[in-house]
């Protein structure tokens, strides 16, 4: 995912700092969704870019992610199985300007928005 978004960003002429944030968000997402087995199949991404916006929509089947406003506590990280997913969600939320998550019947959609 990291290489894909970098290549696309270069072809669009997007600002490097926006592409770095997008690549970091996608990389973090890819790591957590694969290492914690949140996805049960292929992960698909759709991108849209104009001079003001970079939008990435990610589709996958599996468990939804949440994007909390605070980091899980040290105790939660040691005792709560969902804490690592929440930590990754928190980290991803720091890269994006807006984020939204939807899930219905095991079909998950994430919307990442970056101001350009």
PDB file of N, CA and C in Angstrom:
ATOM      1  N   UNK A   1       0.815  -1.188   0.000  1.00  0.00           N
ATOM      2  CA  UNK A   1       0.000   0.000   0.000  1.00  0.00           C
ATOM      3  C   UNK A   1       0.861   1.255   0.000  1.00  0.00           C
ATOM      4  N   UNK A   2       1.960   1.208   0.754  1.00  0.00           N
ATOM      5  CA  UNK A   2       2.855   2.354   0.855  1.00  0.00           C
ATOM      6  C   UNK A   2       3.391   2.727  -0.526  1.00  0.00           C
ATOM      7  N   UNK A   3       3.882   1.728  -1.252  1.00  0.00           N
ATOM      8  CA  UNK A   3       4.447   1.979  -2.580  1.00  0.00           C
ATOM      9  C   UNK A   3       3.385   2.468  -3.555  1.00  0.00           C
ATOM     10  N   UNK A   4       2.178   1.906  -3.460  1.00  0.00           N
ATOM     11  CA  UNK A   4       1.086   2.311  -4.344  1.00  0.00           C
ATOM     12  C   UNK A   4       0.773   3.786  -4.180  1.00  0.00           C
ATOM     13  N   UNK A   5       0.580   4.233  -2.946  1.00  0.00           N
ATOM     14  CA  UNK A   5       0.189   5.626  -2.726  1.00  0.00           C
ATOM     15  C   UNK A   5       1.317   6.580  -3.079  1.00  0.00           C
ATOM     16  N   UNK A   6       2.562   6.185  -2.859  1.00  0.00           N
ATOM     17  CA  UNK A   6       3.681   7.034  -3.264  1.00  0.00           C
ATOM     18  C   UNK A   6       3.742   7.181  -4.777  1.00  0.00           C
ATOM     19  N   UNK A   7       3.576   6.081  -5.501  1.00  0.00           N
ATOM     20  CA  UNK A   7       3.595   6.127  -6.966  1.00  0.00           C
ATOM     21  C   UNK A   7       2.441   6.981  -7.492  1.00  0.00           C
ATOM     22  N   UNK A   8       1.246   6.799  -6.925  1.00  0.00           N
ATOM     23  CA  UNK A   8       0.099   7.596  -7.349  1.00  0.00           C
ATOM     24  C   UNK A   8       0.333   9.073  -7.054  1.00  0.00           C
ATOM     25  N   UNK A   9       0.841   9.365  -5.865  1.00  0.00           N
ATOM     26  CA  UNK A   9       1.092  10.753  -5.497  1.00  0.00           C
ATOM     27  C   UNK A   9       2.057  11.431  -6.436  1.00  0.00           C
ATOM     28  N   UNK A  10       3.105  10.718  -6.823  1.00  0.00           N
ATOM     29  CA  UNK A  10       4.064  11.275  -7.782  1.00  0.00           C
ATOM     30  C   UNK A  10       3.412  11.538  -9.128  1.00  0.00           C
ATOM     31  N   UNK A  11       2.569  10.611  -9.585  1.00  0.00           N
ATOM     32  CA  UNK A  11       1.924  10.789 -10.890  1.00  0.00           C
ATOM     33  C   UNK A  11       0.916  11.937 -10.859  1.00  0.00           C
ATOM     34  N   UNK A  12       0.302  12.194  -9.701  1.00  0.00           N
ATOM     35  CA  UNK A  12      -0.650  13.301  -9.578  1.00  0.00           C
ATOM     36  C   UNK A  12       0.042  14.640  -9.370  1.00  0.00           C
ATOM     37  N   UNK A  13       1.279  14.630  -8.928  1.00  0.00           N
ATOM     38  CA  UNK A  13       1.954  15.869  -8.565  1.00  0.00           C
ATOM     39  C   UNK A  13       1.492  16.374  -7.205  1.00  0.00           C
ATOM     40  N   UNK A  14       1.104  15.477  -6.327  1.00  0.00           N
ATOM     41  CA  UNK A  14       0.630  15.836  -4.994  1.00  0.00           C
ATOM     42  C   UNK A  14       1.790  16.283  -4.113  1.00  0.00           C
ATOM     43  N   UNK A  15       1.477  17.084  -3.117  1.00  0.00           N
ATOM     44  CA  UNK A  15       2.498  17.546  -2.184  1.00  0.00           C
ATOM     45  C   UNK A  15       3.079  16.359  -1.421  1.00  0.00           C
ATOM     46  N   UNK A  16       4.397  16.268  -1.344  1.00  0.00           N
ATOM     47  CA  UNK A  16       5.044  15.121  -0.684  1.00  0.00           C
ATOM     48  C   UNK A  16       4.607  14.898   0.759  1.00  0.00           C
ATOM     49  N   UNK A  17       4.385  15.978   1.532  1.00  0.00           N
ATOM     50  CA  UNK A  17       3.992  15.778   2.927  1.00  0.00           C
ATOM     51  C   UNK A  17       2.600  15.153   3.055  1.00  0.00           C
ATOM     52  N   UNK A  18       1.709  15.448   2.127  1.00  0.00           N
ATOM     53  CA  UNK A  18       0.370  14.841   2.137  1.00  0.00           C
ATOM     54  C   UNK A  18       0.481  13.361   1.781  1.00  0.00           C
ATOM     55  N   UNK A  19       1.299  13.055   0.802  1.00  0.00           N
ATOM     56  CA  UNK A  19       1.478  11.660   0.399  1.00  0.00           C
ATOM     57  C   UNK A  19       2.156  10.869   1.517  1.00  0.00           C
ATOM     58  N   UNK A  20       3.103  11.476   2.219  1.00  0.00           N
ATOM     59  CA  UNK A  20       3.742  10.779   3.351  1.00  0.00           C
ATOM     60  C   UNK A  20       2.725  10.451   4.437  1.00  0.00           C
ATOM     61  N   UNK A  21       1.840  11.408   4.739  1.00  0.00           N
ATOM     62  CA  UNK A  21       0.805  11.142   5.746  1.00  0.00           C
ATOM     63  C   UNK A  21      -0.133  10.029   5.277  1.00  0.00           C
ATOM     64  N   UNK A  22      -0.530  10.076   4.020  1.00  0.00           N
ATOM     65  CA  UNK A  22      -1.427   9.046   3.488  1.00  0.00           C
ATOM     66  C   UNK A  22      -0.746   7.683   3.479  1.00  0.00           C
ATOM     67  N   UNK A  23       0.510   7.653   3.061  1.00  0.00           N
ATOM     68  CA  UNK A  23       1.245   6.387   3.030  1.00  0.00           C
ATOM     69  C   UNK A  23       1.430   5.833   4.436  1.00  0.00           C
ATOM     70  N   UNK A  24       1.695   6.707   5.396  1.00  0.00           N
ATOM     71  CA  UNK A  24       1.851   6.258   6.783  1.00  0.00           C
ATOM     72  C   UNK A  24       0.540   5.711   7.341  1.00  0.00           C
ATOM     73  N   UNK A  25      -0.561   6.384   7.059  1.00  0.00           N
ATOM     74  CA  UNK A  25      -1.871   5.910   7.527  1.00  0.00           C
ATOM     75  C   UNK A  25      -2.199   4.552   6.918  1.00  0.00           C
ATOM     76  N   UNK A  26      -1.965   4.400   5.624  1.00  0.00           N
ATOM     77  CA  UNK A  26      -2.252   3.122   4.959  1.00  0.00           C
ATOM     78  C   UNK A  26      -1.317   2.027   5.436  1.00  0.00           C
ATOM     79  N   UNK A  27      -0.078   2.373   5.666  1.00  0.00           N
ATOM     80  CA  UNK A  27       0.885   1.394   6.157  1.00  0.00           C
ATOM     81  C   UNK A  27       0.484   0.896   7.545  1.00  0.00           C
ATOM     82  N   UNK A  28       0.120   1.814   8.428  1.00  0.00           N
ATOM     83  CA  UNK A  28      -0.326   1.440   9.777  1.00  0.00           C
ATOM     84  C   UNK A  28      -1.574   0.568   9.703  1.00  0.00           C
ATOM     85  N   UNK A  29      -2.507   0.966   8.851  1.00  0.00           N
ATOM     86  CA  UNK A  29      -3.718   0.170   8.670  1.00  0.00           C
ATOM     87  C   UNK A  29      -3.368  -1.237   8.185  1.00  0.00           C
ATOM     88  N   UNK A  30      -2.522  -1.319   7.172  1.00  0.00           N
ATOM     89  CA  UNK A  30      -2.134  -2.623   6.620  1.00  0.00           C
ATOM     90  C   UNK A  30      -1.479  -3.514   7.656  1.00  0.00           C
ATOM     91  N   UNK A  31      -0.621  -2.934   8.478  1.00  0.00           N
ATOM     92  CA  UNK A  31       0.061  -3.722   9.510  1.00  0.00           C
ATOM     93  C   UNK A  31      -0.911  -4.263  10.542  1.00  0.00           C
ATOM     94  N   UNK A  32      -1.808  -3.413  11.027  1.00  0.00           N
ATOM     95  CA  UNK A  32      -2.717  -3.866  12.082  1.00  0.00           C
ATOM     96  C   UNK A  32      -3.758  -4.845  11.549  1.00  0.00           C
ATOM     97  N   UNK A  33      -4.256  -4.589  10.372  1.00  0.00           N
ATOM     98  CA  UNK A  33      -5.316  -5.459   9.850  1.00  0.00           C
ATOM     99  C   UNK A  33      -4.782  -6.852   9.517  1.00  0.00           C
ATOM    100  N   UNK A  34      -3.518  -6.941   9.110  1.00  0.00           N
ATOM    101  CA  UNK A  34      -2.948  -8.255   8.821  1.00  0.00           C
ATOM    102  C   UNK A  34      -2.414  -8.933  10.077  1.00  0.00           C
ATOM    103  N   UNK A  35      -1.736  -8.188  10.936  1.00  0.00           N
ATOM    104  CA  UNK A  35      -1.154  -8.819  12.125  1.00  0.00           C
ATOM    105  C   UNK A  35      -2.210  -9.267  13.136  1.00  0.00           C
ATOM    106  N   UNK A  36      -3.335  -8.564  13.190  1.00  0.00           N
ATOM    107  CA  UNK A  36      -4.399  -8.929  14.124  1.00  0.00           C
ATOM    108  C   UNK A  36      -5.540  -9.683  13.445  1.00  0.00           C
ATOM    109  N   UNK A  37      -5.324 -10.048  12.189  1.00  0.00           N
ATOM    110  CA  UNK A  37      -6.316 -10.825  11.424  1.00  0.00           C
ATOM    111  C   UNK A  37      -7.694 -10.174  11.419  1.00  0.00           C
ATOM    112  N   UNK A  38      -7.736  -8.870  11.190  1.00  0.00           N
ATOM    113  CA  UNK A  38      -9.015  -8.168  11.133  1.00  0.00           C
ATOM    114  C   UNK A  38      -9.712  -8.354   9.797  1.00  0.00           C
ATOM    115  N   UNK A  39      -8.956  -8.611   8.743  1.00  0.00           N
ATOM    116  CA  UNK A  39      -9.532  -8.803   7.414  1.00  0.00           C
ATOM    117  C   UNK A  39      -9.583 -10.288   7.086  1.00  0.00           C
ATOM    118  N   UNK A  40     -10.649 -10.681   6.415  1.00  0.00           N
ATOM    119  CA  UNK A  40     -10.818 -12.084   6.052  1.00  0.00           C
ATOM    120  C   UNK A  40     -10.756 -12.285   4.545  1.00  0.00           C
ATOM    121  N   UNK A  41     -10.035 -11.482   3.881  1.00  0.00           N
ATOM    122  CA  UNK A  41      -9.913 -11.586   2.430  1.00  0.00           C
ATOM    123  C   UNK A  41      -9.080 -10.433   1.915  1.00  0.00           C
ATOM    124  N   UNK A  42      -9.326 -10.086   0.681  1.00  0.00           N
ATOM    125  CA  UNK A  42      -8.578  -9.004   0.050  1.00  0.00           C
ATOM    126  C   UNK A  42      -9.006  -7.650   0.598  1.00  0.00           C
ATOM    127  N   UNK A  43      -8.052  -6.744   0.598  1.00  0.00           N
ATOM    128  CA  UNK A  43      -8.295  -5.361   0.977  1.00  0.00           C
ATOM    129  C   UNK A  43      -8.220  -4.543  -0.311  1.00  0.00           C
ATOM    130  N   UNK A  44      -9.238  -3.731  -0.539  1.00  0.00           N
ATOM    131  CA  UNK A  44      -9.273  -2.914  -1.750  1.00  0.00           C
ATOM    132  C   UNK A  44      -9.263  -1.443  -1.360  1.00  0.00           C
ATOM    133  N   UNK A  45      -8.599  -0.654  -2.170  1.00  0.00           N
ATOM    134  CA  UNK A  45      -8.540   0.786  -1.910  1.00  0.00           C
ATOM    135  C   UNK A  45      -8.881   1.543  -3.179  1.00  0.00           C
ATOM    136  N   UNK A  46      -9.584   2.632  -2.993  1.00  0.00           N
ATOM    137  CA  UNK A  46      -9.940   3.516  -4.097  1.00  0.00           C
ATOM    138  C   UNK A  46      -9.454   4.907  -3.726  1.00  0.00           C
ATOM    139  N   UNK A  47      -8.802   5.574  -4.651  1.00  0.00           N
ATOM    140  CA  UNK A  47      -8.268   6.907  -4.360  1.00  0.00           C
ATOM    141  C   UNK A  47      -8.901   7.951  -5.264  1.00  0.00           C
ATOM    142  N   UNK A  48      -8.956   9.157  -4.753  1.00  0.00           N
ATOM    143  CA  UNK A  48      -9.453  10.300  -5.499  1.00  0.00           C
ATOM    144  C   UNK A  48      -8.581  11.493  -5.120  1.00  0.00           C
ATOM    145  N   UNK A  49      -8.179  12.272  -6.112  1.00  0.00           N
ATOM    146  CA  UNK A  49      -7.295  13.401  -5.841  1.00  0.00           C
ATOM    147  C   UNK A  49      -7.693  14.579  -6.712  1.00  0.00           C
ATOM    148  N   UNK A  50      -7.710  15.757  -6.090  1.00  0.00           N
ATOM    149  CA  UNK A  50      -7.778  17.002  -6.840  1.00  0.00           C
ATOM    150  C   UNK A  50      -6.855  17.994  -6.144  1.00  0.00           C
ATOM    151  N   UNK A  51      -6.837  19.214  -6.603  1.00  0.00           N
ATOM    152  CA  UNK A  51      -5.862  20.161  -6.061  1.00  0.00           C
ATOM    153  C   UNK A  51      -6.081  20.507  -4.589  1.00  0.00           C
ATOM    154  N   UNK A  52      -7.236  20.142  -4.026  1.00  0.00           N
ATOM    155  CA  UNK A  52      -7.534  20.455  -2.630  1.00  0.00           C
ATOM    156  C   UNK A  52      -7.663  19.239  -1.719  1.00  0.00           C
ATOM    157  N   UNK A  53      -7.890  18.061  -2.276  1.00  0.00           N
ATOM    158  CA  UNK A  53      -8.231  16.887  -1.476  1.00  0.00           C
ATOM    159  C   UNK A  53      -7.572  15.606  -1.984  1.00  0.00           C
ATOM    160  N   UNK A  54      -7.221  14.766  -1.038  1.00  0.00           N
ATOM    161  CA  UNK A  54      -6.842  13.385  -1.328  1.00  0.00           C
ATOM    162  C   UNK A  54      -7.760  12.530  -0.476  1.00  0.00           C
ATOM    163  N   UNK A  55      -8.557  11.701  -1.129  1.00  0.00           N
ATOM    164  CA  UNK A  55      -9.476  10.811  -0.435  1.00  0.00           C
ATOM    165  C   UNK A  55      -9.129   9.370  -0.766  1.00  0.00           C
ATOM    166  N   UNK A  56      -9.099   8.550   0.259  1.00  0.00           N
ATOM    167  CA  UNK A  56      -8.835   7.123   0.087  1.00  0.00           C
ATOM    168  C   UNK A  56      -9.942   6.368   0.795  1.00  0.00           C
ATOM    169  N   UNK A  57     -10.588   5.490   0.061  1.00  0.00           N
ATOM    170  CA  UNK A  57     -11.623   4.642   0.635  1.00  0.00           C
ATOM    171  C   UNK A  57     -11.098   3.220   0.608  1.00  0.00           C
ATOM    172  N   UNK A  58     -11.148   2.555   1.758  1.00  0.00           N
ATOM    173  CA  UNK A  58     -10.634   1.198   1.903  1.00  0.00           C
ATOM    174  C   UNK A  58     -11.810   0.282   2.204  1.00  0.00           C
ATOM    175  N   UNK A  59     -11.867  -0.835   1.482  1.00  0.00           N
ATOM    176  CA  UNK A  59     -12.928  -1.822   1.656  1.00  0.00           C
ATOM    177  C   UNK A  59     -12.305  -3.159   2.068  1.00  0.00           C
ATOM    178  N   UNK A  60     -12.922  -3.810   3.047  1.00  0.00           N
ATOM    179  CA  UNK A  60     -12.466  -5.144   3.424  1.00  0.00           C
ATOM    180  C   UNK A  60     -13.575  -5.860   4.183  1.00  0.00           C
ATOM    181  N   UNK A  61     -13.521  -7.152   4.171  1.00  0.00           N
ATOM    182  CA  UNK A  61     -14.429  -7.972   4.967  1.00  0.00           C
ATOM    183  C   UNK A  61     -13.707  -8.335   6.253  1.00  0.00           C
ATOM    184  N   UNK A  62     -14.415  -8.249   7.367  1.00  0.00           N
ATOM    185  CA  UNK A  62     -13.792  -8.614   8.638  1.00  0.00           C
ATOM    186  C   UNK A  62     -14.311  -7.786   9.783  1.00  0.00           C
ATOM    187  N   UNK A  63     -13.431  -7.529  10.730  1.00  0.00           N
ATOM    188  CA  UNK A  63     -13.777  -6.788  11.942  1.00  0.00           C
ATOM    189  C   UNK A  63     -13.515  -5.302  11.740  1.00  0.00           C
ATOM    190  N   UNK A  64     -14.436  -4.460  12.194  1.00  0.00           N
ATOM    191  CA  UNK A  64     -14.250  -3.016  12.018  1.00  0.00           C
ATOM    192  C   UNK A  64     -13.176  -2.458  12.955  1.00  0.00           C
ATOM    193  N   UNK A  65     -12.628  -1.331  12.547  1.00  0.00           N
ATOM    194  CA  UNK A  65     -11.670  -0.606  13.382  1.00  0.00           C
ATOM    195  C   UNK A  65     -12.367   0.597  13.984  1.00  0.00           C
ATOM    196  N   UNK A  66     -11.884   1.002  15.139  1.00  0.00           N
ATOM    197  CA  UNK A  66     -12.354   2.246  15.733  1.00  0.00           C
ATOM    198  C   UNK A  66     -11.184   3.224  15.755  1.00  0.00           C
ATOM    199  N   UNK A  67     -11.513   4.492  15.843  1.00  0.00           N
ATOM    200  CA  UNK A  67     -10.495   5.536  15.803  1.00  0.00           C
ATOM    201  C   UNK A  67     -10.706   6.481  16.986  1.00  0.00           C
ATOM    202  N   UNK A  68     -10.273   6.035  18.173  1.00  0.00           N
ATOM    203  CA  UNK A  68     -10.514   6.815  19.389  1.00  0.00           C
ATOM    204  C   UNK A  68      -9.677   8.082  19.429  1.00  0.00           C
ATOM    205  N   UNK A  69     -10.096   8.992  20.303  1.00  0.00           N
ATOM    206  CA  UNK A  69      -9.389  10.272  20.465  1.00  0.00           C
ATOM    207  C   UNK A  69      -8.262  10.206  21.474  1.00  0.00           C
ATOM    208  N   UNK A  70      -8.121   9.073  22.156  1.00  0.00           N
ATOM    209  CA  UNK A  70      -7.057   8.968  23.143  1.00  0.00           C
ATOM    210  C   UNK A  70      -6.384   7.589  23.058  1.00  0.00           C
ATOM    211  N   UNK A  71      -5.172   7.547  23.546  1.00  0.00           N
ATOM    212  CA  UNK A  71      -4.369   6.326  23.534  1.00  0.00           C
ATOM    213  C   UNK A  71      -4.866   5.395  24.644  1.00  0.00           C
ATOM    214  N   UNK A  72      -4.961   4.096  24.370  1.00  0.00           N
ATOM    215  CA  UNK A  72      -5.291   3.165  25.459  1.00  0.00           C
ATOM    216  C   UNK A  72      -4.219   3.240  26.556  1.00  0.00           C
ATOM    217  N   UNK A  73      -4.641   3.025  27.778  1.00  0.00           N
ATOM    218  CA  UNK A  73      -3.701   3.074  28.902  1.00  0.00           C
ATOM    219  C   UNK A  73      -2.755   1.876  28.852  1.00  0.00           C
ATOM    220  N   UNK A  74      -1.680   1.968  29.626  1.00  0.00           N
ATOM    221  CA  UNK A  74      -0.738   0.842  29.718  1.00  0.00           C
ATOM    222  C   UNK A  74      -1.440  -0.399  30.233  1.00  0.00           C
ATOM    223  N   UNK A  75      -2.326  -0.216  31.193  1.00  0.00           N
ATOM    224  CA  UNK A  75      -3.076  -1.346  31.744  1.00  0.00           C
ATOM    225  C   UNK A  75      -3.976  -1.982  30.674  1.00  0.00           C
ATOM    226  N   UNK A  76      -4.641  -1.146  29.898  1.00  0.00           N
ATOM    227  CA  UNK A  76      -5.495  -1.676  28.825  1.00  0.00           C
ATOM    228  C   UNK A  76      -4.674  -2.456  27.803  1.00  0.00           C
ATOM    229  N   UNK A  77      -3.504  -1.955  27.480  1.00  0.00           N
ATOM    230  CA  UNK A  77      -2.653  -2.648  26.510  1.00  0.00           C
ATOM    231  C   UNK A  77      -2.236  -4.029  27.017  1.00  0.00           C
ATOM    232  N   UNK A  78      -2.143  -4.178  28.331  1.00  0.00           N
ATOM    233  CA  UNK A  78      -1.755  -5.460  28.912  1.00  0.00           C
ATOM    234  C   UNK A  78      -2.936  -6.405  29.109  1.00  0.00           C
ATOM    235  N   UNK A  79      -4.138  -5.857  29.258  1.00  0.00           N
ATOM    236  CA  UNK A  79      -5.263  -6.715  29.640  1.00  0.00           C
ATOM    237  C   UNK A  79      -6.409  -6.780  28.641  1.00  0.00           C
ATOM    238  N   UNK A  80      -6.511  -5.817  27.749  1.00  0.00           N
ATOM    239  CA  UNK A  80      -7.651  -5.739  26.834  1.00  0.00           C
ATOM    240  C   UNK A  80      -7.234  -6.146  25.424  1.00  0.00           C
ATOM    241  N   UNK A  81      -7.881  -7.168  24.895  1.00  0.00           N
ATOM    242  CA  UNK A  81      -7.535  -7.680  23.558  1.00  0.00           C
ATOM    243  C   UNK A  81      -7.743  -6.646  22.456  1.00  0.00           C
ATOM    244  N   UNK A  82      -8.660  -5.712  22.651  1.00  0.00           N
ATOM    245  CA  UNK A  82      -8.939  -4.722  21.607  1.00  0.00           C
ATOM    246  C   UNK A  82      -8.048  -3.490  21.697  1.00  0.00           C
ATOM    247  N   UNK A  83      -7.222  -3.402  22.717  1.00  0.00           N
ATOM    248  CA  UNK A  83      -6.413  -2.201  22.934  1.00  0.00           C
ATOM    249  C   UNK A  83      -5.432  -1.935  21.798  1.00  0.00           C
ATOM    250  N   UNK A  84      -4.825  -2.963  21.236  1.00  0.00           N
ATOM    251  CA  UNK A  84      -3.871  -2.742  20.141  1.00  0.00           C
ATOM    252  C   UNK A  84      -4.564  -2.214  18.897  1.00  0.00           C
ATOM    253  N   UNK A  85      -5.770  -2.699  18.643  1.00  0.00           N
ATOM    254  CA  UNK A  85      -6.530  -2.184  17.510  1.00  0.00           C
ATOM    255  C   UNK A  85      -6.882  -0.715  17.741  1.00  0.00           C
ATOM    256  N   UNK A  86      -7.271  -0.379  18.959  1.00  0.00           N
ATOM    257  CA  UNK A  86      -7.584   1.014  19.285  1.00  0.00           C
ATOM    258  C   UNK A  86      -6.344   1.893  19.206  1.00  0.00           C
ATOM    259  N   UNK A  87      -5.191   1.358  19.631  1.00  0.00           N
ATOM    260  CA  UNK A  87      -3.946   2.117  19.528  1.00  0.00           C
ATOM    261  C   UNK A  87      -3.618   2.407  18.065  1.00  0.00           C
ATOM    262  N   UNK A  88      -3.730   1.409  17.224  1.00  0.00           N
ATOM    263  CA  UNK A  88      -3.482   1.613  15.789  1.00  0.00           C
ATOM    264  C   UNK A  88      -4.473   2.615  15.211  1.00  0.00           C
ATOM    265  N   UNK A  89      -5.744   2.505  15.612  1.00  0.00           N
ATOM    266  CA  UNK A  89      -6.750   3.463  15.155  1.00  0.00           C
ATOM    267  C   UNK A  89      -6.419   4.880  15.578  1.00  0.00           C
ATOM    268  N   UNK A  90      -5.940   5.022  16.804  1.00  0.00           N
ATOM    269  CA  UNK A  90      -5.531   6.344  17.290  1.00  0.00           C
ATOM    270  C   UNK A  90      -4.374   6.886  16.443  1.00  0.00           C
ATOM    271  N   UNK A  91      -3.362   6.052  16.187  1.00  0.00           N
ATOM    272  CA  UNK A  91      -2.207   6.490  15.391  1.00  0.00           C
ATOM    273  C   UNK A  91      -2.636   6.890  13.981  1.00  0.00           C
ATOM    274  N   UNK A  92      -3.493   6.083  13.364  1.00  0.00           N
ATOM    275  CA  UNK A  92      -3.978   6.405  12.021  1.00  0.00           C
ATOM    276  C   UNK A  92      -4.704   7.746  12.035  1.00  0.00           C
ATOM    277  N   UNK A  93      -5.523   7.978  13.059  1.00  0.00           N
ATOM    278  CA  UNK A  93      -6.302   9.218  13.114  1.00  0.00           C
ATOM    279  C   UNK A  93      -5.416  10.457  13.191  1.00  0.00           C
ATOM    280  N   UNK A  94      -4.183  10.304  13.644  1.00  0.00           N
ATOM    281  CA  UNK A  94      -3.266  11.442  13.730  1.00  0.00           C
ATOM    282  C   UNK A  94      -2.672  11.809  12.366  1.00  0.00           C
ATOM    283  N   UNK A  95      -2.716  10.889  11.414  1.00  0.00           N
ATOM    284  CA  UNK A  95      -2.187  11.168  10.077  1.00  0.00           C
ATOM    285  C   UNK A  95      -3.220  11.847   9.176  1.00  0.00           C
ATOM    286  N   UNK A  96      -4.493  11.597   9.405  1.00  0.00           N
ATOM    287  CA  UNK A  96      -5.548  12.047   8.500  1.00  0.00           C
ATOM    288  C   UNK A  96      -6.171  13.344   8.994  1.00  0.00           C
ATOM    289  N   UNK A  97      -6.810  14.058   8.074  1.00  0.00           N
ATOM    290  CA  UNK A  97      -7.546  15.258   8.465  1.00  0.00           C
ATOM    291  C   UNK A  97      -8.976  14.911   8.871  1.00  0.00           C
ATOM    292  N   UNK A  98      -9.538  13.888   8.247  1.00  0.00           N
ATOM    293  CA  UNK A  98     -10.862  13.373   8.619  1.00  0.00           C
ATOM    294  C   UNK A  98     -10.850  11.870   8.397  1.00  0.00           C
ATOM    295  N   UNK A  99     -11.599  11.171   9.242  1.00  0.00           N
ATOM    296  CA  UNK A  99     -11.677   9.719   9.102  1.00  0.00           C
ATOM    297  C   UNK A  99     -13.076   9.272   9.502  1.00  0.00           C
ATOM    298  N   UNK A 100     -13.558   8.264   8.795  1.00  0.00           N
ATOM    299  CA  UNK A 100     -14.869   7.710   9.100  1.00  0.00           C
ATOM    300  C   UNK A 100     -14.816   6.215   8.838  1.00  0.00           C
ATOM    301  N   UNK A 101     -15.524   5.468   9.643  1.00  0.00           N
ATOM    302  CA  UNK A 101     -15.549   4.013   9.527  1.00  0.00           C
ATOM    303  C   UNK A 101     -16.994   3.537   9.527  1.00  0.00           C
ATOM    304  N   UNK A 102     -17.294   2.607   8.631  1.00  0.00           N
ATOM    305  CA  UNK A 102     -18.620   2.002   8.578  1.00  0.00           C
ATOM    306  C   UNK A 102     -18.462   0.496   8.505  1.00  0.00           C
ATOM    307  N   UNK A 103     -19.426  -0.204   9.078  1.00  0.00           N
ATOM    308  CA  UNK A 103     -19.406  -1.663   9.022  1.00  0.00           C
ATOM    309  C   UNK A 103     -20.839  -2.167   9.029  1.00  0.00           C
ATOM    310  N   UNK A 104     -21.113  -3.081   8.111  1.00  0.00           N
ATOM    311  CA  UNK A 104     -22.434  -3.703   8.057  1.00  0.00           C
ATOM    312  C   UNK A 104     -22.266  -5.132   7.563  1.00  0.00           C
ATOM    313  N   UNK A 105     -22.761  -6.063   8.351  1.00  0.00           N
ATOM    314  CA  UNK A 105     -22.698  -7.490   8.005  1.00  0.00           C
ATOM    315  C   UNK A 105     -21.277  -7.945   7.675  1.00  0.00           C
ATOM    316  N   UNK A 106     -20.281  -7.457   8.422  1.00  0.00           N
ATOM    317  CA  UNK A 106     -18.903  -7.876   8.215  1.00  0.00           C
ATOM    318  C   UNK A 106     -18.195  -7.199   7.058  1.00  0.00           C
ATOM    319  N   UNK A 107     -18.856  -6.277   6.378  1.00  0.00           N
ATOM    320  CA  UNK A 107     -18.236  -5.518   5.292  1.00  0.00           C
ATOM    321  C   UNK A 107     -17.865  -4.146   5.838  1.00  0.00           C
ATOM    322  N   UNK A 108     -16.568  -3.876   5.848  1.00  0.00           N
ATOM    323  CA  UNK A 108     -16.055  -2.648   6.456  1.00  0.00           C
ATOM    324  C   UNK A 108     -15.589  -1.668   5.390  1.00  0.00           C
ATOM    325  N   UNK A 109     -15.851  -0.395   5.642  1.00  0.00           N
ATOM    326  CA  UNK A 109     -15.405   0.678   4.764  1.00  0.00           C
ATOM    327  C   UNK A 109     -14.796   1.770   5.613  1.00  0.00           C
ATOM    328  N   UNK A 110     -13.600   2.193   5.239  1.00  0.00           N
ATOM    329  CA  UNK A 110     -12.908   3.296   5.908  1.00  0.00           C
ATOM    330  C   UNK A 110     -12.741   4.430   4.915  1.00  0.00           C
ATOM    331  N   UNK A 111     -12.986   5.626   5.374  1.00  0.00           N
ATOM    332  CA  UNK A 111     -12.822   6.810   4.543  1.00  0.00           C
ATOM    333  C   UNK A 111     -11.729   7.669   5.159  1.00  0.00           C
ATOM    334  N   UNK A 112     -10.628   7.841   4.439  1.00  0.00           N
ATOM    335  CA  UNK A 112      -9.518   8.694   4.875  1.00  0.00           C
ATOM    336  C   UNK A 112      -9.537   9.949   4.005  1.00  0.00           C
ATOM    337  N   UNK A 113      -9.514  11.105   4.649  1.00  0.00           N
ATOM    338  CA  UNK A 113      -9.476  12.371   3.909  1.00  0.00           C
ATOM    339  C   UNK A 113      -8.236  13.162   4.334  1.00  0.00           C
ATOM    340  N   UNK A 114      -7.539  13.672   3.341  1.00  0.00           N
ATOM    341  CA  UNK A 114      -6.341  14.500   3.569  1.00  0.00           C
ATOM    342  C   UNK A 114      -6.536  15.811   2.828  1.00  0.00           C
ATOM    343  N   UNK A 115      -6.365  16.920   3.526  1.00  0.00           N
ATOM    344  CA  UNK A 115      -6.402  18.228   2.873  1.00  0.00           C
ATOM    345  C   UNK A 115      -5.130  18.380   2.052  1.00  0.00           C
ATOM    346  N   UNK A 116      -5.270  18.897   0.862  1.00  0.00           N
ATOM    347  CA  UNK A 116      -4.103  19.103   0.010  1.00  0.00           C
ATOM    348  C   UNK A 116      -3.908  20.574  -0.135  1.00  0.00           C
TER     349      UNK A 116
END
